[in-house]
């Protein structure tokens, strides 16, 4: 199971990104554990300075933008 963290202040972009990741995971049949991280100390632990950010299994995949559905699909396919 992949652990996915969406880092951000809880804004609409962050929520929409988490929903999109969950939707892509369901479509691909990939098991994920999703967590929305809003605690700034935890976000800074990843050295992320702009949100939203996506962390998969402890690795920062993106920060400061909302990745496309195709990019999310690629990340989830790589992690199978």
C-alpha atoms as a PDB file:
ATOM      1  CA  UNK A   1       0.000   0.000   0.000  1.00  0.00           C
ATOM      2  CA  UNK A   2       1.322   3.422  -0.959  1.00  0.00           C
ATOM      3  CA  UNK A   3       1.318   6.193   1.630  1.00  0.00           C
ATOM      4  CA  UNK A   4       0.383   9.525   0.068  1.00  0.00           C
ATOM      5  CA  UNK A   5       0.493  12.824   1.905  1.00  0.00           C
ATOM      6  CA  UNK A   6      -0.991  16.029   0.516  1.00  0.00           C
ATOM      7  CA  UNK A   7       0.746  18.934   2.212  1.00  0.00           C
ATOM      8  CA  UNK A   8      -0.998  22.268   2.501  1.00  0.00           C
ATOM      9  CA  UNK A   9      -2.993  24.665   4.595  1.00  0.00           C
ATOM     10  CA  UNK A  10      -6.273  22.923   3.838  1.00  0.00           C
ATOM     11  CA  UNK A  11      -7.205  25.197   0.946  1.00  0.00           C
ATOM     12  CA  UNK A  12      -9.507  24.193  -1.895  1.00  0.00           C
ATOM     13  CA  UNK A  13      -6.554  23.316  -4.157  1.00  0.00           C
ATOM     14  CA  UNK A  14      -5.233  20.912  -1.525  1.00  0.00           C
ATOM     15  CA  UNK A  15      -8.619  19.262  -1.039  1.00  0.00           C
ATOM     16  CA  UNK A  16      -9.216  18.979  -4.787  1.00  0.00           C
ATOM     17  CA  UNK A  17      -5.752  17.464  -5.236  1.00  0.00           C
ATOM     18  CA  UNK A  18      -6.401  14.844  -2.544  1.00  0.00           C
ATOM     19  CA  UNK A  19      -9.740  14.003  -4.185  1.00  0.00           C
ATOM     20  CA  UNK A  20      -8.076  13.672  -7.605  1.00  0.00           C
ATOM     21  CA  UNK A  21      -5.376  11.364  -6.233  1.00  0.00           C
ATOM     22  CA  UNK A  22      -8.022   9.189  -4.560  1.00  0.00           C
ATOM     23  CA  UNK A  23     -10.036   9.079  -7.783  1.00  0.00           C
ATOM     24  CA  UNK A  24      -7.033   8.060  -9.905  1.00  0.00           C
ATOM     25  CA  UNK A  25      -6.003   5.430  -7.350  1.00  0.00           C
ATOM     26  CA  UNK A  26      -9.494   3.940  -7.369  1.00  0.00           C
ATOM     27  CA  UNK A  27      -9.610   3.909 -11.166  1.00  0.00           C
ATOM     28  CA  UNK A  28      -6.232   2.138 -11.329  1.00  0.00           C
ATOM     29  CA  UNK A  29      -7.071  -0.247  -8.503  1.00  0.00           C
ATOM     30  CA  UNK A  30      -4.105   0.951  -6.440  1.00  0.00           C
ATOM     31  CA  UNK A  31      -4.337   0.752  -2.646  1.00  0.00           C
ATOM     32  CA  UNK A  32      -3.336   4.024  -1.025  1.00  0.00           C
ATOM     33  CA  UNK A  33      -3.294   5.440   2.472  1.00  0.00           C
ATOM     34  CA  UNK A  34      -4.115   9.135   2.072  1.00  0.00           C
ATOM     35  CA  UNK A  35      -3.310  11.816   4.636  1.00  0.00           C
ATOM     36  CA  UNK A  36      -3.845  15.570   4.410  1.00  0.00           C
ATOM     37  CA  UNK A  37      -1.054  17.302   6.324  1.00  0.00           C
ATOM     38  CA  UNK A  38      -1.767  20.862   7.468  1.00  0.00           C
ATOM     39  CA  UNK A  39       0.776  21.122  10.302  1.00  0.00           C
ATOM     40  CA  UNK A  40       3.462  23.576   9.147  1.00  0.00           C
ATOM     41  CA  UNK A  41       6.198  21.887  11.197  1.00  0.00           C
ATOM     42  CA  UNK A  42       5.551  18.583   9.408  1.00  0.00           C
ATOM     43  CA  UNK A  43       5.403  20.347   6.036  1.00  0.00           C
ATOM     44  CA  UNK A  44       8.742  22.037   6.732  1.00  0.00           C
ATOM     45  CA  UNK A  45      10.232  18.653   7.723  1.00  0.00           C
ATOM     46  CA  UNK A  46       9.945  17.823   4.003  1.00  0.00           C
ATOM     47  CA  UNK A  47      11.646  21.148   3.166  1.00  0.00           C
ATOM     48  CA  UNK A  48       8.557  22.206   1.211  1.00  0.00           C
ATOM     49  CA  UNK A  49       8.227  25.963   0.892  1.00  0.00           C
ATOM     50  CA  UNK A  50       5.123  26.169  -1.317  1.00  0.00           C
ATOM     51  CA  UNK A  51       1.970  24.132  -1.330  1.00  0.00           C
ATOM     52  CA  UNK A  52       0.127  22.109  -2.329  1.00  0.00           C
ATOM     53  CA  UNK A  53       2.736  19.374  -2.278  1.00  0.00           C
ATOM     54  CA  UNK A  54       2.511  15.628  -2.810  1.00  0.00           C
ATOM     55  CA  UNK A  55       4.642  13.138  -0.897  1.00  0.00           C
ATOM     56  CA  UNK A  56       4.532   9.465  -1.865  1.00  0.00           C
ATOM     57  CA  UNK A  57       6.190   6.954   0.453  1.00  0.00           C
ATOM     58  CA  UNK A  58       8.299   9.733   1.983  1.00  0.00           C
ATOM     59  CA  UNK A  59       9.481  11.248  -1.316  1.00  0.00           C
ATOM     60  CA  UNK A  60       8.337  14.730  -2.369  1.00  0.00           C
ATOM     61  CA  UNK A  61       6.914  14.370  -5.881  1.00  0.00           C
ATOM     62  CA  UNK A  62       5.727  17.947  -6.412  1.00  0.00           C
ATOM     63  CA  UNK A  63       5.299  21.243  -4.617  1.00  0.00           C
ATOM     64  CA  UNK A  64       3.790  24.586  -5.446  1.00  0.00           C
ATOM     65  CA  UNK A  65       1.428  23.355  -8.142  1.00  0.00           C
ATOM     66  CA  UNK A  66      -1.413  20.960  -8.813  1.00  0.00           C
ATOM     67  CA  UNK A  67      -0.123  18.068 -10.923  1.00  0.00           C
ATOM     68  CA  UNK A  68      -2.171  16.806 -13.846  1.00  0.00           C
ATOM     69  CA  UNK A  69      -4.224  13.633 -13.653  1.00  0.00           C
ATOM     70  CA  UNK A  70      -1.779  12.044 -16.090  1.00  0.00           C
ATOM     71  CA  UNK A  71       1.167  12.825 -13.790  1.00  0.00           C
ATOM     72  CA  UNK A  72      -0.678  11.394 -10.781  1.00  0.00           C
ATOM     73  CA  UNK A  73      -1.488   8.279 -12.803  1.00  0.00           C
ATOM     74  CA  UNK A  74       2.193   7.872 -13.688  1.00  0.00           C
ATOM     75  CA  UNK A  75       3.268   8.177 -10.031  1.00  0.00           C
ATOM     76  CA  UNK A  76       0.708   5.614  -8.894  1.00  0.00           C
ATOM     77  CA  UNK A  77       1.582   3.215 -11.699  1.00  0.00           C
ATOM     78  CA  UNK A  78       5.288   3.425 -10.804  1.00  0.00           C
ATOM     79  CA  UNK A  79       4.541   2.567  -7.190  1.00  0.00           C
ATOM     80  CA  UNK A  80       2.683  -0.669  -7.849  1.00  0.00           C
END
